[in-house]
Amino acid sequence: FVLGALLGVAYKKFAVHLDPKVEEVREALPGTNDGACGYPGCDALAEAIVSGDAPTNACVVGGHEVAEKLAGIMGTEVLSVEKRVARVNCQVGEKECGSRAIYQGADNCTAAAMIAGGGKSCVYGCLGLGSCVRACPFEAIFINEGGIAVVAEERCTGCGVCVSTCSKRIITLVPVEKRVSVLCSSKDKGPVVRKICKIGCIGCAKCVKICPQEAIYMQDNLAVIDYDKCDNCGACAEACPTNCIA
């Protein structure tokens, strides 16, 4: 009885009283706990929003709808949320890029990459072992028949879990309205790329020269799109001799 009484007193004395607004914000969040906001989970984000350490549009998964609810709770201006989706910057399967070794090991991209970069001829290419597929909390990624990871954009929330999971760092988040992407991540020079891949970037810079918005530049022998300048004209895709821009 005495011990029970002491526990009751201790509970009241040391109880943590949460701000009711934190609970309200937490209820408005989607509850995916994906970490895309930069916080460990929705509870931590809710506390950060109420304390003013995080903006009301920090939840990229919830999008504009959640941002609107949170602004209403906090009594602040509604902040816009840019919808982004994941894109896999590689499209080379077995037909387009051969193998230089047969990998036998854990069904895990990170494990395969640790062994001389994996068995694919292109050391920058997707290994297709599905680590990103298993990591995606929204089942928005699958491995196609060619052994390449592909994003189902209608399901993608832009949480970025696949981006951090990919051992090759070939998955990026791009604005959903931008329809053009460089589907290659090779930093090898053109002659090397031609030997191992039929549809890789060869660094010819034709896309750079033809882009009317100057939205493409070359970096480490690879074409890179500046999405702040890109207007989806598609001129780069038409000019690409290897069809690695689409």
Protein backbone atom coordinates (compact mmCIF):
# COMPACT_ATOMS: atom_id res chain seq x y z
CA PHE A 1 0.00 0.00 0.00
CA VAL A 2 2.80 2.40 0.92
CA LEU A 3 4.71 1.62 -2.28
CA GLY A 4 1.54 2.15 -4.32
CA ALA A 5 0.96 5.51 -2.65
CA LEU A 6 4.54 6.56 -3.32
CA LEU A 7 4.21 5.60 -6.99
CA GLY A 8 1.00 7.63 -7.22
CA VAL A 9 2.67 10.69 -5.75
CA ALA A 10 5.71 10.29 -8.01
CA TYR A 11 3.46 9.98 -11.07
CA LYS A 12 1.71 13.24 -10.28
CA LYS A 13 4.91 15.06 -9.39
CA PHE A 14 6.93 13.99 -12.41
CA ALA A 15 4.14 13.72 -14.97
CA VAL A 16 4.90 15.41 -18.29
CA HIS A 17 2.08 17.71 -19.27
CA LEU A 18 1.86 18.02 -23.03
CA ASP A 19 0.68 21.18 -24.68
CA PRO A 20 -2.84 20.42 -26.02
CA LYS A 21 -1.80 22.07 -29.27
CA VAL A 22 0.94 19.46 -29.72
CA GLU A 23 -1.68 16.73 -29.56
CA GLU A 24 -3.84 18.61 -32.06
CA VAL A 25 -0.94 19.00 -34.48
CA ARG A 26 0.01 15.35 -34.02
CA GLU A 27 -3.50 14.26 -34.93
CA ALA A 28 -3.36 16.30 -38.13
CA LEU A 29 -0.12 14.65 -39.28
CA PRO A 30 -0.35 11.46 -41.40
CA GLY A 31 1.42 9.26 -38.85
CA THR A 32 3.83 7.65 -41.33
CA ASN A 33 6.88 8.46 -39.19
CA ASP A 34 9.03 8.37 -42.34
CA GLY A 35 11.51 11.02 -41.25
CA ALA A 36 11.27 12.99 -44.51
CA CYS A 37 10.66 16.15 -42.47
CA GLY A 38 14.04 15.82 -40.80
CA TYR A 39 12.61 14.70 -37.45
CA PRO A 40 12.54 11.16 -35.97
CA GLY A 41 8.78 10.90 -36.33
CA CYS A 42 5.44 12.70 -36.24
CA ASP A 43 5.56 13.23 -32.46
CA ALA A 44 8.87 15.05 -32.71
CA LEU A 45 7.67 17.11 -35.66
CA ALA A 46 4.49 18.10 -33.82
CA GLU A 47 6.52 19.41 -30.89
CA ALA A 48 8.87 21.26 -33.26
CA ILE A 49 5.97 22.94 -35.08
CA VAL A 50 4.32 24.10 -31.86
CA SER A 51 7.62 25.39 -30.47
CA GLY A 52 8.30 27.25 -33.71
CA ASP A 53 11.35 25.21 -34.65
CA ALA A 54 9.67 23.72 -37.74
CA PRO A 55 7.34 25.33 -40.33
CA THR A 56 3.77 24.17 -40.85
CA ASN A 57 4.66 22.84 -44.31
CA ALA A 58 7.43 20.54 -43.04
CA CYS A 59 5.43 17.36 -43.69
CA VAL A 60 6.11 16.61 -47.36
CA VAL A 61 4.07 13.40 -47.20
CA GLY A 62 0.95 15.23 -46.05
CA GLY A 63 1.35 17.85 -48.77
CA HIS A 64 -0.73 21.00 -49.05
CA GLU A 65 -3.76 19.50 -47.30
CA VAL A 66 -1.87 18.82 -44.08
CA ALA A 67 0.00 22.13 -44.32
CA GLU A 68 -3.35 23.91 -44.50
CA LYS A 69 -4.66 22.10 -41.42
CA LEU A 70 -1.51 22.85 -39.44
CA ALA A 71 -1.63 26.53 -40.40
CA GLY A 72 -5.21 26.64 -39.14
CA ILE A 73 -4.21 25.08 -35.82
CA MET A 74 -1.24 27.38 -35.37
CA GLY A 75 -3.10 30.46 -36.63
CA THR A 76 -0.46 31.23 -39.25
CA GLU A 77 -0.35 31.81 -42.98
CA VAL A 78 -0.73 28.71 -45.16
CA LEU A 79 2.65 27.80 -46.64
CA SER A 80 2.86 26.06 -50.01
CA VAL A 81 4.31 22.57 -50.36
CA GLU A 82 6.13 21.68 -53.53
CA LYS A 83 5.07 18.21 -54.64
CA ARG A 84 8.12 16.11 -55.45
CA VAL A 85 8.54 12.54 -56.60
CA ALA A 86 11.44 10.14 -56.70
CA ARG A 87 13.12 9.33 -60.02
CA VAL A 88 15.66 6.58 -60.62
CA ASN A 89 18.48 8.00 -62.72
CA CYS A 90 19.25 4.74 -64.47
CA GLN A 91 17.45 2.66 -67.09
CA VAL A 92 20.05 0.08 -68.04
CA GLY A 93 18.91 -3.48 -67.59
CA GLU A 94 20.60 -6.71 -68.66
CA LYS A 95 20.02 -6.04 -72.37
CA GLU A 96 21.55 -2.56 -72.32
CA CYS A 97 24.41 -3.21 -69.91
CA GLY A 98 26.10 -6.55 -69.39
CA SER A 99 27.65 -8.00 -66.25
CA ARG A 100 31.30 -8.22 -65.34
CA ALA A 101 30.73 -10.65 -62.49
CA ILE A 102 28.04 -12.83 -60.97
CA TYR A 103 27.04 -11.63 -57.53
CA GLN A 104 26.18 -14.32 -55.01
CA GLY A 105 25.31 -12.95 -51.63
CA ALA A 106 22.70 -11.18 -49.56
CA ASP A 107 19.71 -9.86 -51.49
CA ASN A 108 20.73 -6.33 -50.63
CA CYS A 109 22.07 -3.51 -52.79
CA THR A 110 24.42 -2.19 -50.12
CA ALA A 111 25.99 -5.60 -49.63
CA ALA A 112 26.45 -6.06 -53.38
CA ALA A 113 27.92 -2.58 -53.84
CA MET A 114 30.56 -3.30 -51.22
CA ILE A 115 32.01 -6.02 -53.45
CA ALA A 116 33.78 -4.03 -56.17
CA GLY A 117 30.65 -1.96 -56.81
CA GLY A 118 28.44 -4.93 -57.72
CA GLY A 119 28.34 -7.23 -60.71
CA LYS A 120 27.00 -4.83 -63.34
CA SER A 121 29.40 -3.54 -66.01
CA CYS A 122 28.44 0.03 -65.13
CA VAL A 123 29.52 0.63 -61.56
CA TYR A 124 27.10 3.57 -61.33
CA GLY A 125 24.01 1.62 -62.39
CA CYS A 126 21.05 0.27 -60.45
CA LEU A 127 21.80 -3.15 -58.97
CA GLY A 128 18.13 -4.13 -58.96
CA LEU A 129 18.20 -6.08 -55.70
CA GLY A 130 15.25 -4.14 -54.32
CA SER A 131 16.57 -2.46 -51.18
CA CYS A 132 14.61 0.67 -52.14
CA VAL A 133 11.50 -1.42 -52.79
CA ARG A 134 11.57 -2.88 -49.31
CA ALA A 135 12.32 0.49 -47.72
CA CYS A 136 9.50 2.41 -49.40
CA PRO A 137 6.64 2.84 -46.89
CA PHE A 138 4.13 3.50 -49.67
CA GLU A 139 4.89 0.59 -52.05
CA ALA A 140 5.73 3.12 -54.74
CA ILE A 141 8.78 1.34 -56.20
CA PHE A 142 9.10 -1.95 -58.08
CA ILE A 143 11.79 -3.81 -60.02
CA ASN A 144 10.92 -4.12 -63.72
CA GLU A 145 11.66 -7.03 -66.04
CA GLY A 146 15.05 -5.57 -66.88
CA GLY A 147 16.10 -5.58 -63.24
CA ILE A 148 15.84 -1.82 -62.72
CA ALA A 149 14.03 0.04 -59.95
CA VAL A 150 11.09 2.08 -61.25
CA VAL A 151 8.96 4.57 -59.32
CA ALA A 152 5.17 4.51 -59.60
CA GLU A 153 4.77 8.28 -59.36
CA GLU A 154 1.05 8.15 -58.63
CA ARG A 155 1.90 6.45 -55.32
CA CYS A 156 5.09 8.37 -54.51
CA THR A 157 4.78 10.96 -51.75
CA GLY A 158 8.30 12.34 -52.04
CA CYS A 159 9.25 11.16 -48.56
CA GLY A 160 12.83 10.49 -49.69
CA VAL A 161 13.30 7.18 -47.87
CA CYS A 162 14.39 5.49 -51.10
CA VAL A 163 16.89 8.29 -51.75
CA SER A 164 18.71 7.64 -48.48
CA THR A 165 18.43 3.86 -48.91
CA CYS A 166 19.98 3.65 -52.39
CA SER A 167 23.64 2.62 -52.04
CA LYS A 168 24.43 3.97 -55.53
CA ARG A 169 22.83 7.36 -54.80
CA ILE A 170 21.02 7.30 -58.15
CA ILE A 171 17.53 8.16 -56.86
CA THR A 172 16.66 11.83 -56.64
CA LEU A 173 13.61 13.91 -55.73
CA VAL A 174 12.35 16.21 -58.48
CA PRO A 175 9.32 18.51 -58.80
CA VAL A 176 6.43 16.39 -60.07
CA GLU A 177 5.57 18.85 -62.85
CA LYS A 178 9.06 18.53 -64.35
CA ARG A 179 8.75 15.70 -66.85
CA VAL A 180 12.31 15.54 -68.20
CA SER A 181 15.08 13.60 -66.45
CA VAL A 182 18.58 12.37 -67.24
CA LEU A 183 18.20 8.62 -66.80
CA CYS A 184 21.88 7.96 -66.27
CA SER A 185 24.32 8.42 -63.40
CA SER A 186 27.60 7.40 -65.01
CA LYS A 187 30.55 9.71 -64.54
CA ASP A 188 32.73 7.82 -67.01
CA LYS A 189 33.87 9.46 -70.22
CA GLY A 190 31.99 8.85 -73.46
CA PRO A 191 34.22 6.11 -74.94
CA VAL A 192 33.98 4.08 -71.72
CA VAL A 193 30.21 4.47 -71.54
CA ARG A 194 29.78 3.38 -75.17
CA LYS A 195 31.61 0.11 -74.49
CA ILE A 196 29.40 -0.96 -71.60
CA CYS A 197 26.05 0.78 -72.10
CA LYS A 198 23.82 1.41 -75.09
CA ILE A 199 21.74 4.16 -73.52
CA GLY A 200 24.10 5.97 -71.16
CA CYS A 201 25.16 9.61 -71.18
CA ILE A 202 28.29 9.97 -73.32
CA GLY A 203 28.97 13.58 -72.35
CA CYS A 204 28.50 14.95 -75.86
CA ALA A 205 26.82 18.11 -74.47
CA LYS A 206 24.33 18.30 -77.34
CA CYS A 207 21.56 18.77 -74.78
CA VAL A 208 23.45 21.66 -73.21
CA LYS A 209 23.89 23.43 -76.52
CA ILE A 210 20.27 23.08 -77.63
CA CYS A 211 18.47 23.97 -74.38
CA PRO A 212 16.81 27.39 -74.90
CA GLN A 213 16.58 28.00 -71.14
CA GLU A 214 20.20 27.06 -70.39
CA ALA A 215 18.78 24.59 -67.92
CA ILE A 216 21.36 21.83 -68.52
CA TYR A 217 25.02 21.74 -67.72
CA MET A 218 27.77 19.12 -67.64
CA GLN A 219 29.23 17.89 -64.36
CA ASP A 220 31.69 15.00 -64.14
CA ASN A 221 30.94 13.97 -67.76
CA LEU A 222 27.22 13.79 -66.97
CA ALA A 223 24.36 16.03 -68.07
CA VAL A 224 22.55 17.64 -65.13
CA ILE A 225 19.20 19.46 -65.28
CA ASP A 226 18.59 22.66 -63.34
CA TYR A 227 14.87 22.28 -62.59
CA ASP A 228 14.56 25.92 -61.54
CA LYS A 229 15.17 26.84 -65.19
CA CYS A 230 13.64 23.85 -67.01
CA ASP A 231 10.31 24.54 -68.76
CA ASN A 232 9.64 21.00 -70.05
CA CYS A 233 10.22 21.95 -73.68
CA GLY A 234 11.78 18.54 -74.39
CA ALA A 235 14.46 19.86 -76.74
CA CYS A 236 17.17 18.07 -74.76
CA ALA A 237 15.40 14.71 -75.07
CA GLU A 238 15.10 15.11 -78.82
CA ALA A 239 18.78 16.02 -79.16
CA CYS A 240 20.15 13.20 -77.00
CA PRO A 241 21.80 10.62 -79.30
CA THR A 242 21.53 7.79 -76.79
CA ASN A 243 18.00 8.53 -75.53
CA CYS A 244 19.16 8.77 -71.92
CA ILE A 245 17.06 11.91 -71.45
CA ALA A 246 13.34 11.28 -71.29
